[in-house]
Amino acid sequence: MKFFWYTNFFHKVLLRSKHLRNQYIPIQTKIFLSPIQIFGFIGFLFLSSSLFAETDSKYTGPISRSEKRILDGKIEFQKTGIFPLEWKLYFKGKQGDFVVFYDLNGDEIHFRYRRNKFDLDAEFFVKDLFIGNPYLVKGEWIGYYYYAVDERGKRSSLPTPKKLPGEKNEFIDKQSIPIFQLQTYQEIRTDDLLY
């Protein structure tokens, strides 16, 4: 079934004028709307209003936005001298003897998981890690990577690995990357129902 909307409004206005009274000018405006277009428009309005509605119960992912970030851990280390050993992070991938995790800001922590490339037990230990999945990761803090600044004020593109105890000012730098010895990891699963 098709819906038509006819209007003769413009035709009546033109016939009232003296010039066009004796002339027949059929002006009809036709607006054609099918049921699919009507339902599509209503659906668009519903979806746009529901997408832009902000609520406190909005799902933000398995790691809460209020969860401690790596930069927060560096600030805590600057104040108390203690760097957290337990983190909720996303897995990025393997790089050499390290598995790399990142937080919601994109800052990274490297966890050493094997002694060398022939350590097959360590490879078996990290076989369940999947890129992008969130994990609760625990380890022993063993050092950090520091990107040195030369006399011109330019940062080096290659990091210098530093062992503990290191310089406090180097470690709290935003560009430094903490290094841990991986002890345990556990995938974070949500109990929320998504619909």
N, C-alpha and C. Protein backbone atom coordinates (compact mmCIF):
# COMPACT_ATOMS: atom_id res chain seq x y z
N MET A 1 0.85 -1.18 0.00
CA MET A 1 0.00 0.00 0.00
C MET A 1 0.89 1.24 0.00
N LYS A 2 0.51 2.21 -0.77
CA LYS A 2 1.30 3.42 -0.87
C LYS A 2 0.46 4.60 -0.41
N PHE A 3 1.16 5.50 0.25
CA PHE A 3 0.49 6.69 0.77
C PHE A 3 0.84 7.88 -0.12
N PHE A 4 -0.19 8.60 -0.50
CA PHE A 4 0.01 9.80 -1.30
C PHE A 4 -0.57 10.99 -0.55
N TRP A 5 0.08 12.08 -0.73
CA TRP A 5 -0.41 13.28 -0.10
C TRP A 5 -0.55 14.35 -1.18
N TYR A 6 -1.77 14.75 -1.43
CA TYR A 6 -2.04 15.73 -2.48
C TYR A 6 -2.38 17.06 -1.83
N THR A 7 -1.84 18.12 -2.38
CA THR A 7 -2.24 19.45 -1.92
C THR A 7 -2.55 20.31 -3.12
N ASN A 8 -3.60 21.04 -3.02
CA ASN A 8 -3.99 21.98 -4.07
C ASN A 8 -3.85 23.41 -3.58
N PHE A 9 -3.08 23.58 -2.54
CA PHE A 9 -2.95 24.89 -1.92
C PHE A 9 -2.41 25.92 -2.91
N PHE A 10 -1.33 25.57 -3.61
CA PHE A 10 -0.73 26.52 -4.53
C PHE A 10 -1.66 26.82 -5.72
N HIS A 11 -2.39 25.82 -6.14
CA HIS A 11 -3.34 26.00 -7.24
C HIS A 11 -4.43 27.01 -6.86
N LYS A 12 -4.95 26.91 -5.65
CA LYS A 12 -6.00 27.81 -5.20
C LYS A 12 -5.49 29.23 -5.06
N VAL A 13 -4.27 29.38 -4.61
CA VAL A 13 -3.69 30.71 -4.46
C VAL A 13 -3.51 31.37 -5.82
N LEU A 14 -3.05 30.59 -6.78
CA LEU A 14 -2.84 31.14 -8.12
C LEU A 14 -4.16 31.50 -8.80
N LEU A 15 -5.23 30.75 -8.58
CA LEU A 15 -6.52 31.04 -9.21
C LEU A 15 -7.17 32.30 -8.65
N ARG A 16 -6.79 32.69 -7.46
CA ARG A 16 -7.36 33.90 -6.87
C ARG A 16 -6.83 35.17 -7.54
N SER A 17 -5.67 35.05 -8.11
CA SER A 17 -5.13 36.26 -8.76
C SER A 17 -5.91 36.55 -10.06
N LYS A 18 -6.00 37.82 -10.47
CA LYS A 18 -6.79 38.23 -11.62
C LYS A 18 -6.22 37.71 -12.93
N HIS A 19 -4.94 37.55 -13.02
CA HIS A 19 -4.31 37.18 -14.28
C HIS A 19 -4.60 35.74 -14.65
N LEU A 20 -4.68 34.90 -13.66
CA LEU A 20 -4.76 33.47 -13.94
C LEU A 20 -6.14 32.89 -13.71
N ARG A 21 -7.14 33.73 -13.53
CA ARG A 21 -8.45 33.24 -13.18
C ARG A 21 -9.06 32.38 -14.28
N ASN A 22 -8.83 32.72 -15.52
CA ASN A 22 -9.43 31.99 -16.62
C ASN A 22 -8.55 30.87 -17.15
N GLN A 23 -7.35 30.73 -16.62
CA GLN A 23 -6.44 29.68 -17.09
C GLN A 23 -6.45 28.53 -16.09
N TYR A 24 -6.37 27.34 -16.64
CA TYR A 24 -6.32 26.16 -15.78
C TYR A 24 -4.86 25.75 -15.61
N ILE A 25 -4.35 25.79 -14.39
CA ILE A 25 -2.98 25.38 -14.09
C ILE A 25 -3.07 24.28 -13.03
N PRO A 26 -2.90 23.03 -13.45
CA PRO A 26 -2.99 21.94 -12.46
C PRO A 26 -1.67 21.81 -11.68
N ILE A 27 -1.66 22.33 -10.51
CA ILE A 27 -0.48 22.22 -9.66
C ILE A 27 -0.85 21.32 -8.48
N GLN A 28 -0.24 20.21 -8.46
CA GLN A 28 -0.44 19.30 -7.34
C GLN A 28 0.93 18.86 -6.85
N THR A 29 1.13 18.90 -5.56
CA THR A 29 2.39 18.46 -4.97
C THR A 29 2.18 17.07 -4.43
N LYS A 30 3.00 16.16 -4.87
CA LYS A 30 2.86 14.77 -4.49
C LYS A 30 4.06 14.39 -3.62
N ILE A 31 3.82 13.89 -2.44
CA ILE A 31 4.89 13.35 -1.59
C ILE A 31 4.61 11.87 -1.42
N PHE A 32 5.53 11.07 -1.87
CA PHE A 32 5.36 9.62 -1.88
C PHE A 32 6.14 9.01 -0.71
N LEU A 33 5.47 8.32 0.19
CA LEU A 33 6.11 7.65 1.32
C LEU A 33 5.64 6.21 1.36
N SER A 34 6.58 5.31 1.35
CA SER A 34 6.22 3.90 1.47
C SER A 34 6.29 3.51 2.95
N PRO A 35 5.66 2.41 3.33
CA PRO A 35 5.73 1.96 4.73
C PRO A 35 7.16 1.67 5.17
N ILE A 36 7.99 1.21 4.25
CA ILE A 36 9.39 0.93 4.61
C ILE A 36 10.12 2.22 4.97
N GLN A 37 9.85 3.29 4.22
CA GLN A 37 10.48 4.57 4.52
C GLN A 37 10.00 5.13 5.85
N ILE A 38 8.73 4.97 6.15
CA ILE A 38 8.19 5.46 7.41
C ILE A 38 8.81 4.71 8.58
N PHE A 39 8.84 3.38 8.50
CA PHE A 39 9.44 2.59 9.58
C PHE A 39 10.94 2.86 9.69
N GLY A 40 11.60 3.07 8.56
CA GLY A 40 13.03 3.39 8.58
C GLY A 40 13.30 4.70 9.29
N PHE A 41 12.46 5.70 9.02
CA PHE A 41 12.62 7.00 9.67
C PHE A 41 12.38 6.91 11.17
N ILE A 42 11.34 6.19 11.56
CA ILE A 42 11.05 6.00 12.99
C ILE A 42 12.19 5.24 13.67
N GLY A 43 12.70 4.22 13.00
CA GLY A 43 13.84 3.46 13.54
C GLY A 43 15.07 4.33 13.68
N PHE A 44 15.33 5.19 12.69
CA PHE A 44 16.47 6.11 12.78
C PHE A 44 16.33 7.04 13.97
N LEU A 45 15.14 7.59 14.18
CA LEU A 45 14.92 8.47 15.33
C LEU A 45 15.13 7.73 16.65
N PHE A 46 14.64 6.51 16.73
CA PHE A 46 14.79 5.73 17.96
C PHE A 46 16.25 5.41 18.24
N LEU A 47 16.98 4.95 17.21
CA LEU A 47 18.38 4.59 17.40
C LEU A 47 19.24 5.80 17.72
N SER A 48 19.00 6.91 17.05
CA SER A 48 19.81 8.10 17.32
C SER A 48 19.57 8.62 18.73
N SER A 49 18.34 8.54 19.22
CA SER A 49 18.08 9.00 20.58
C SER A 49 18.67 8.04 21.61
N SER A 50 18.67 6.75 21.33
CA SER A 50 19.22 5.80 22.30
C SER A 50 20.74 5.79 22.27
N LEU A 51 21.36 6.08 21.13
CA LEU A 51 22.82 6.11 21.07
C LEU A 51 23.40 7.32 21.79
N PHE A 52 22.71 8.43 21.73
CA PHE A 52 23.25 9.65 22.33
C PHE A 52 22.79 9.86 23.77
N ALA A 53 21.94 8.99 24.27
CA ALA A 53 21.52 9.10 25.66
C ALA A 53 22.65 8.61 26.56
N GLU A 54 23.06 9.46 27.48
CA GLU A 54 24.16 9.10 28.38
C GLU A 54 23.57 8.68 29.72
N THR A 55 23.97 7.50 30.14
CA THR A 55 23.52 7.00 31.43
C THR A 55 24.73 6.56 32.23
N ASP A 56 24.55 6.47 33.55
CA ASP A 56 25.63 6.04 34.43
C ASP A 56 25.88 4.55 34.32
N SER A 57 24.90 3.80 33.85
CA SER A 57 25.05 2.36 33.76
C SER A 57 25.61 1.92 32.41
N LYS A 58 26.22 2.83 31.69
CA LYS A 58 26.78 2.52 30.37
C LYS A 58 27.95 1.56 30.51
N TYR A 59 27.97 0.53 29.68
CA TYR A 59 29.03 -0.48 29.73
C TYR A 59 30.32 0.10 29.17
N THR A 60 31.40 0.05 29.93
CA THR A 60 32.67 0.63 29.51
C THR A 60 33.73 -0.42 29.25
N GLY A 61 33.41 -1.69 29.41
CA GLY A 61 34.39 -2.74 29.17
C GLY A 61 34.73 -3.47 30.45
N PRO A 62 35.52 -4.52 30.34
CA PRO A 62 35.85 -5.33 31.52
C PRO A 62 36.79 -4.62 32.49
N ILE A 63 37.54 -3.63 32.02
CA ILE A 63 38.40 -2.86 32.92
C ILE A 63 37.75 -1.50 33.11
N SER A 64 37.44 -1.17 34.35
CA SER A 64 36.75 0.07 34.68
C SER A 64 37.62 1.27 34.33
N ARG A 65 36.97 2.38 33.97
CA ARG A 65 37.71 3.60 33.66
C ARG A 65 38.37 4.19 34.90
N SER A 66 37.90 3.83 36.07
CA SER A 66 38.50 4.34 37.31
C SER A 66 39.67 3.47 37.77
N GLU A 67 39.97 2.41 37.03
CA GLU A 67 41.08 1.51 37.40
C GLU A 67 42.42 2.25 37.29
N LYS A 68 43.36 1.86 38.15
CA LYS A 68 44.68 2.48 38.20
C LYS A 68 45.40 2.30 36.86
N ARG A 69 46.01 3.40 36.38
CA ARG A 69 46.76 3.37 35.13
C ARG A 69 48.25 3.43 35.44
N ILE A 70 49.08 3.20 34.44
CA ILE A 70 50.52 3.16 34.64
C ILE A 70 51.04 4.51 35.10
N LEU A 71 50.51 5.59 34.56
CA LEU A 71 50.92 6.92 34.98
C LEU A 71 50.57 7.16 36.45
N ASP A 72 49.41 6.64 36.89
CA ASP A 72 49.04 6.73 38.31
C ASP A 72 50.03 5.97 39.18
N GLY A 73 50.50 4.82 38.70
CA GLY A 73 51.50 4.04 39.44
C GLY A 73 52.82 4.79 39.56
N LYS A 74 53.21 5.52 38.52
CA LYS A 74 54.44 6.31 38.58
C LYS A 74 54.30 7.46 39.58
N ILE A 75 53.13 8.08 39.62
CA ILE A 75 52.89 9.15 40.59
C ILE A 75 52.92 8.58 42.00
N GLU A 76 52.33 7.40 42.19
CA GLU A 76 52.36 6.73 43.49
C GLU A 76 53.81 6.41 43.88
N PHE A 77 54.62 5.98 42.93
CA PHE A 77 56.03 5.69 43.20
C PHE A 77 56.78 6.97 43.59
N GLN A 78 56.44 8.08 42.96
CA GLN A 78 57.09 9.34 43.27
C GLN A 78 56.76 9.78 44.70
N LYS A 79 55.53 9.54 45.15
CA LYS A 79 55.11 9.96 46.49
C LYS A 79 55.56 9.00 47.58
N THR A 80 55.38 7.69 47.34
CA THR A 80 55.61 6.71 48.41
C THR A 80 56.86 5.87 48.21
N GLY A 81 57.38 5.81 47.00
CA GLY A 81 58.53 4.96 46.72
C GLY A 81 58.16 3.52 46.44
N ILE A 82 56.86 3.22 46.34
CA ILE A 82 56.39 1.85 46.08
C ILE A 82 55.64 1.85 44.75
N PHE A 83 56.06 0.95 43.86
CA PHE A 83 55.40 0.81 42.56
C PHE A 83 54.50 -0.41 42.61
N PRO A 84 53.24 -0.30 42.18
CA PRO A 84 52.30 -1.43 42.25
C PRO A 84 52.81 -2.64 41.46
N LEU A 85 52.52 -3.84 41.97
CA LEU A 85 52.98 -5.08 41.34
C LEU A 85 51.84 -5.84 40.66
N GLU A 86 50.61 -5.34 40.80
CA GLU A 86 49.44 -6.00 40.23
C GLU A 86 48.70 -5.00 39.35
N TRP A 87 48.41 -5.41 38.12
CA TRP A 87 47.82 -4.51 37.15
C TRP A 87 46.68 -5.18 36.40
N LYS A 88 45.69 -4.37 36.00
CA LYS A 88 44.64 -4.80 35.07
C LYS A 88 44.95 -4.12 33.75
N LEU A 89 45.38 -4.93 32.77
CA LEU A 89 45.86 -4.41 31.50
C LEU A 89 45.36 -5.24 30.33
N TYR A 90 45.51 -4.69 29.14
CA TYR A 90 45.19 -5.39 27.90
C TYR A 90 46.47 -5.94 27.28
N PHE A 91 46.37 -7.13 26.68
CA PHE A 91 47.54 -7.76 26.07
C PHE A 91 47.76 -7.20 24.67
N LYS A 92 49.01 -6.80 24.40
CA LYS A 92 49.36 -6.23 23.10
C LYS A 92 50.04 -7.24 22.19
N GLY A 93 50.96 -8.04 22.75
CA GLY A 93 51.66 -9.01 21.92
C GLY A 93 53.00 -9.38 22.53
N LYS A 94 53.73 -10.24 21.82
CA LYS A 94 55.06 -10.66 22.26
C LYS A 94 56.11 -9.85 21.51
N GLN A 95 57.16 -9.47 22.25
CA GLN A 95 58.31 -8.78 21.65
C GLN A 95 59.57 -9.40 22.24
N GLY A 96 60.18 -10.29 21.51
CA GLY A 96 61.39 -10.95 22.00
C GLY A 96 61.07 -11.84 23.19
N ASP A 97 61.76 -11.59 24.31
CA ASP A 97 61.55 -12.36 25.53
C ASP A 97 60.47 -11.75 26.42
N PHE A 98 59.73 -10.79 25.91
CA PHE A 98 58.75 -10.05 26.70
C PHE A 98 57.34 -10.21 26.13
N VAL A 99 56.37 -10.15 27.03
CA VAL A 99 54.97 -9.97 26.63
C VAL A 99 54.61 -8.54 27.03
N VAL A 100 53.93 -7.84 26.14
CA VAL A 100 53.66 -6.42 26.33
C VAL A 100 52.18 -6.24 26.63
N PHE A 101 51.90 -5.46 27.68
CA PHE A 101 50.54 -5.12 28.07
C PHE A 101 50.40 -3.60 28.05
N TYR A 102 49.17 -3.12 27.87
CA TYR A 102 48.93 -1.68 27.86
C TYR A 102 47.68 -1.35 28.66
N ASP A 103 47.60 -0.09 29.12
CA ASP A 103 46.44 0.36 29.89
C ASP A 103 45.51 1.16 28.98
N LEU A 104 44.49 1.79 29.57
CA LEU A 104 43.51 2.54 28.79
C LEU A 104 44.10 3.80 28.16
N ASN A 105 45.22 4.29 28.69
CA ASN A 105 45.90 5.45 28.09
C ASN A 105 46.80 5.05 26.94
N GLY A 106 47.10 3.75 26.81
CA GLY A 106 48.01 3.29 25.78
C GLY A 106 49.44 3.13 26.26
N ASP A 107 49.70 3.43 27.54
CA ASP A 107 51.04 3.25 28.11
C ASP A 107 51.30 1.76 28.30
N GLU A 108 52.56 1.36 28.14
CA GLU A 108 52.91 -0.06 28.14
C GLU A 108 53.71 -0.47 29.37
N ILE A 109 53.61 -1.77 29.70
CA ILE A 109 54.48 -2.44 30.65
C ILE A 109 54.97 -3.70 29.96
N HIS A 110 56.27 -3.96 30.05
CA HIS A 110 56.86 -5.16 29.46
C HIS A 110 57.09 -6.18 30.58
N PHE A 111 56.62 -7.40 30.36
CA PHE A 111 56.81 -8.49 31.31
C PHE A 111 57.73 -9.53 30.68
N ARG A 112 58.86 -9.78 31.33
CA ARG A 112 59.78 -10.81 30.84
C ARG A 112 59.20 -12.17 31.22
N TYR A 113 59.01 -13.04 30.23
CA TYR A 113 58.38 -14.33 30.50
C TYR A 113 59.31 -15.50 30.25
N ARG A 114 60.46 -15.29 29.60
CA ARG A 114 61.37 -16.41 29.34
C ARG A 114 62.82 -15.94 29.47
N ARG A 115 63.71 -16.92 29.71
CA ARG A 115 65.14 -16.61 29.85
C ARG A 115 65.78 -16.34 28.50
N ASN A 116 65.45 -17.15 27.51
CA ASN A 116 65.97 -17.00 26.15
C ASN A 116 64.99 -17.66 25.18
N LYS A 117 65.33 -17.67 23.91
CA LYS A 117 64.39 -18.19 22.92
C LYS A 117 64.23 -19.71 22.96
N PHE A 118 65.07 -20.40 23.73
CA PHE A 118 64.97 -21.86 23.83
C PHE A 118 64.15 -22.30 25.05
N ASP A 119 63.60 -21.36 25.80
CA ASP A 119 62.82 -21.67 27.00
C ASP A 119 61.40 -22.07 26.59
N LEU A 120 61.20 -23.36 26.32
CA LEU A 120 59.91 -23.85 25.83
C LEU A 120 58.84 -23.88 26.91
N ASP A 121 59.25 -24.06 28.17
CA ASP A 121 58.27 -24.04 29.26
C ASP A 121 57.61 -22.67 29.38
N ALA A 122 58.39 -21.62 29.18
CA ALA A 122 57.83 -20.27 29.25
C ALA A 122 56.87 -20.01 28.09
N GLU A 123 57.20 -20.53 26.92
CA GLU A 123 56.29 -20.40 25.78
C GLU A 123 54.95 -21.08 26.07
N PHE A 124 55.00 -22.23 26.71
CA PHE A 124 53.78 -22.94 27.08
C PHE A 124 53.00 -22.14 28.12
N PHE A 125 53.72 -21.44 29.02
CA PHE A 125 53.09 -20.65 30.08
C PHE A 125 52.24 -19.51 29.52
N VAL A 126 52.68 -18.89 28.43
CA VAL A 126 51.96 -17.73 27.89
C VAL A 126 51.14 -18.05 26.64
N LYS A 127 50.91 -19.31 26.37
CA LYS A 127 50.19 -19.69 25.14
C LYS A 127 48.72 -19.27 25.16
N ASP A 128 48.16 -19.01 26.33
CA ASP A 128 46.74 -18.65 26.43
C ASP A 128 46.48 -17.15 26.32
N LEU A 129 47.51 -16.35 26.12
CA LEU A 129 47.32 -14.90 25.98
C LEU A 129 46.82 -14.58 24.57
N PHE A 130 45.77 -13.76 24.49
CA PHE A 130 45.20 -13.35 23.21
C PHE A 130 45.23 -11.83 23.12
N ILE A 131 45.61 -11.34 21.96
CA ILE A 131 45.77 -9.90 21.75
C ILE A 131 44.43 -9.20 21.96
N GLY A 132 44.47 -8.12 22.75
CA GLY A 132 43.29 -7.31 23.02
C GLY A 132 42.48 -7.73 24.22
N ASN A 133 42.73 -8.92 24.77
CA ASN A 133 41.98 -9.37 25.94
C ASN A 133 42.52 -8.73 27.21
N PRO A 134 41.64 -8.47 28.19
CA PRO A 134 42.09 -7.88 29.46
C PRO A 134 42.57 -8.97 30.43
N TYR A 135 43.62 -8.65 31.18
CA TYR A 135 44.19 -9.60 32.14
C TYR A 135 44.54 -8.90 33.44
N LEU A 136 44.47 -9.66 34.53
CA LEU A 136 45.02 -9.24 35.81
C LEU A 136 46.41 -9.85 35.86
N VAL A 137 47.43 -8.99 35.80
CA VAL A 137 48.81 -9.45 35.66
C VAL A 137 49.60 -9.10 36.91
N LYS A 138 50.37 -10.08 37.41
CA LYS A 138 51.22 -9.87 38.59
C LYS A 138 52.65 -10.21 38.22
N GLY A 139 53.57 -9.45 38.78
CA GLY A 139 54.97 -9.72 38.50
C GLY A 139 55.88 -9.04 39.50
N GLU A 140 57.17 -9.28 39.32
CA GLU A 140 58.19 -8.66 40.16
C GLU A 140 58.86 -7.57 39.34
N TRP A 141 58.91 -6.37 39.90
CA TRP A 141 59.47 -5.22 39.19
C TRP A 141 60.99 -5.36 39.15
N ILE A 142 61.58 -5.40 37.95
CA ILE A 142 63.02 -5.61 37.84
C ILE A 142 63.75 -4.45 37.17
N GLY A 143 63.05 -3.51 36.57
CA GLY A 143 63.72 -2.38 35.93
C GLY A 143 62.80 -1.58 35.05
N TYR A 144 63.39 -0.83 34.12
CA TYR A 144 62.61 0.00 33.22
C TYR A 144 63.44 0.35 32.00
N TYR A 145 62.74 0.72 30.93
CA TYR A 145 63.38 1.27 29.74
C TYR A 145 63.31 2.78 29.84
N TYR A 146 64.43 3.43 29.54
CA TYR A 146 64.47 4.89 29.59
C TYR A 146 64.94 5.42 28.24
N TYR A 147 64.19 6.37 27.71
CA TYR A 147 64.57 7.04 26.46
C TYR A 147 65.33 8.30 26.84
N ALA A 148 66.65 8.27 26.67
CA ALA A 148 67.52 9.37 27.10
C ALA A 148 67.29 10.62 26.25
N VAL A 149 67.59 11.77 26.87
CA VAL A 149 67.50 13.06 26.19
C VAL A 149 68.92 13.58 26.00
N ASP A 150 69.27 13.94 24.75
CA ASP A 150 70.63 14.41 24.50
C ASP A 150 70.75 15.90 24.82
N GLU A 151 71.94 16.46 24.56
CA GLU A 151 72.20 17.86 24.92
C GLU A 151 71.35 18.84 24.11
N ARG A 152 70.83 18.43 22.96
CA ARG A 152 69.96 19.29 22.16
C ARG A 152 68.50 19.23 22.61
N GLY A 153 68.20 18.35 23.56
CA GLY A 153 66.83 18.20 24.04
C GLY A 153 66.02 17.21 23.24
N LYS A 154 66.65 16.44 22.38
CA LYS A 154 65.96 15.44 21.56
C LYS A 154 66.01 14.09 22.26
N ARG A 155 64.90 13.36 22.19
CA ARG A 155 64.83 12.02 22.78
C ARG A 155 65.46 11.00 21.86
N SER A 156 66.11 10.03 22.48
CA SER A 156 66.67 8.91 21.73
C SER A 156 65.53 8.03 21.23
N SER A 157 65.71 7.45 20.06
CA SER A 157 64.68 6.56 19.53
C SER A 157 64.84 5.14 20.06
N LEU A 158 65.99 4.83 20.63
CA LEU A 158 66.23 3.51 21.22
C LEU A 158 66.28 3.62 22.73
N PRO A 159 65.53 2.78 23.44
CA PRO A 159 65.54 2.86 24.90
C PRO A 159 66.78 2.22 25.50
N THR A 160 67.13 2.70 26.68
CA THR A 160 68.23 2.13 27.45
C THR A 160 67.63 1.32 28.58
N PRO A 161 67.89 -0.01 28.65
CA PRO A 161 67.35 -0.78 29.78
C PRO A 161 68.11 -0.45 31.06
N LYS A 162 67.38 -0.20 32.13
CA LYS A 162 67.98 0.13 33.43
C LYS A 162 67.45 -0.86 34.46
N LYS A 163 68.34 -1.33 35.34
CA LYS A 163 67.94 -2.24 36.41
C LYS A 163 67.71 -1.45 37.68
N LEU A 164 66.98 -2.05 38.60
CA LEU A 164 66.73 -1.40 39.89
C LEU A 164 67.95 -1.53 40.77
N PRO A 165 68.24 -0.63 41.65
CA PRO A 165 67.55 0.66 41.81
C PRO A 165 68.00 1.64 40.74
N GLY A 166 67.08 2.33 40.17
CA GLY A 166 67.39 3.31 39.14
C GLY A 166 67.17 4.71 39.67
N GLU A 167 67.33 5.67 38.80
CA GLU A 167 67.10 7.05 39.20
C GLU A 167 65.60 7.34 39.18
N LYS A 168 65.13 7.96 40.25
CA LYS A 168 63.71 8.22 40.41
C LYS A 168 63.19 9.13 39.29
N ASN A 169 63.96 10.15 38.94
CA ASN A 169 63.51 11.10 37.91
C ASN A 169 63.41 10.45 36.54
N GLU A 170 64.27 9.49 36.26
CA GLU A 170 64.19 8.78 34.99
C GLU A 170 62.94 7.91 34.93
N PHE A 171 62.65 7.22 36.03
CA PHE A 171 61.52 6.29 36.01
C PHE A 171 60.18 7.00 35.93
N ILE A 172 60.02 8.13 36.62
CA ILE A 172 58.72 8.81 36.61
C ILE A 172 58.47 9.58 35.32
N ASP A 173 59.45 9.60 34.42
CA ASP A 173 59.27 10.23 33.11
C ASP A 173 58.14 9.50 32.36
N LYS A 174 57.32 10.26 31.63
CA LYS A 174 56.18 9.67 30.91
C LYS A 174 56.62 8.65 29.87
N GLN A 175 57.81 8.82 29.30
CA GLN A 175 58.27 7.95 28.23
C GLN A 175 58.90 6.65 28.73
N SER A 176 59.21 6.55 30.01
CA SER A 176 59.85 5.33 30.52
C SER A 176 58.83 4.19 30.57
N ILE A 177 59.33 2.97 30.36
CA ILE A 177 58.47 1.78 30.33
C ILE A 177 58.93 0.82 31.42
N PRO A 178 58.06 0.50 32.38
CA PRO A 178 58.43 -0.45 33.44
C PRO A 178 58.65 -1.86 32.89
N ILE A 179 59.60 -2.58 33.50
CA ILE A 179 59.88 -3.97 33.13
C ILE A 179 59.63 -4.84 34.36
N PHE A 180 58.87 -5.90 34.18
CA PHE A 180 58.55 -6.84 35.25
C PHE A 180 58.98 -8.24 34.84
N GLN A 181 59.16 -9.09 35.85
CA GLN A 181 59.29 -10.53 35.63
C GLN A 181 57.90 -11.12 35.81
N LEU A 182 57.35 -11.73 34.78
CA LEU A 182 55.98 -12.24 34.82
C LEU A 182 55.88 -13.40 35.80
N GLN A 183 54.91 -13.30 36.72
CA GLN A 183 54.66 -14.39 37.67
C GLN A 183 53.35 -15.09 37.37
N THR A 184 52.26 -14.33 37.34
CA THR A 184 50.95 -14.92 37.04
C THR A 184 50.13 -13.95 36.19
N TYR A 185 49.16 -14.50 35.48
CA TYR A 185 48.18 -13.69 34.77
C TYR A 185 46.86 -14.44 34.79
N GLN A 186 45.78 -13.68 34.77
CA GLN A 186 44.45 -14.27 34.78
C GLN A 186 43.54 -13.40 33.91
N GLU A 187 42.81 -14.03 33.02
CA GLU A 187 41.92 -13.27 32.15
C GLU A 187 40.77 -12.69 32.96
N ILE A 188 40.45 -11.44 32.69
CA ILE A 188 39.34 -10.77 33.37
C ILE A 188 38.08 -11.03 32.55
N ARG A 189 37.10 -11.60 33.19
CA ARG A 189 35.82 -11.87 32.52
C ARG A 189 34.74 -11.07 33.23
N THR A 190 33.81 -10.58 32.47
CA THR A 190 32.75 -9.77 33.04
C THR A 190 31.51 -10.62 33.31
N ASP A 191 30.78 -10.23 34.34
CA ASP A 191 29.51 -10.89 34.66
C ASP A 191 28.32 -10.10 34.13
N ASP A 192 28.60 -8.99 33.45
CA ASP A 192 27.52 -8.16 32.92
C ASP A 192 26.84 -8.85 31.74
N LEU A 193 25.55 -8.67 31.66
CA LEU A 193 24.79 -9.18 30.52
C LEU A 193 24.71 -8.08 29.48
N LEU A 194 25.12 -8.40 28.27
CA LEU A 194 25.07 -7.43 27.18
C LEU A 194 23.88 -7.75 26.30
N TYR A 195 23.06 -6.76 26.04
CA TYR A 195 21.89 -6.97 25.19
C TYR A 195 21.68 -5.78 24.29
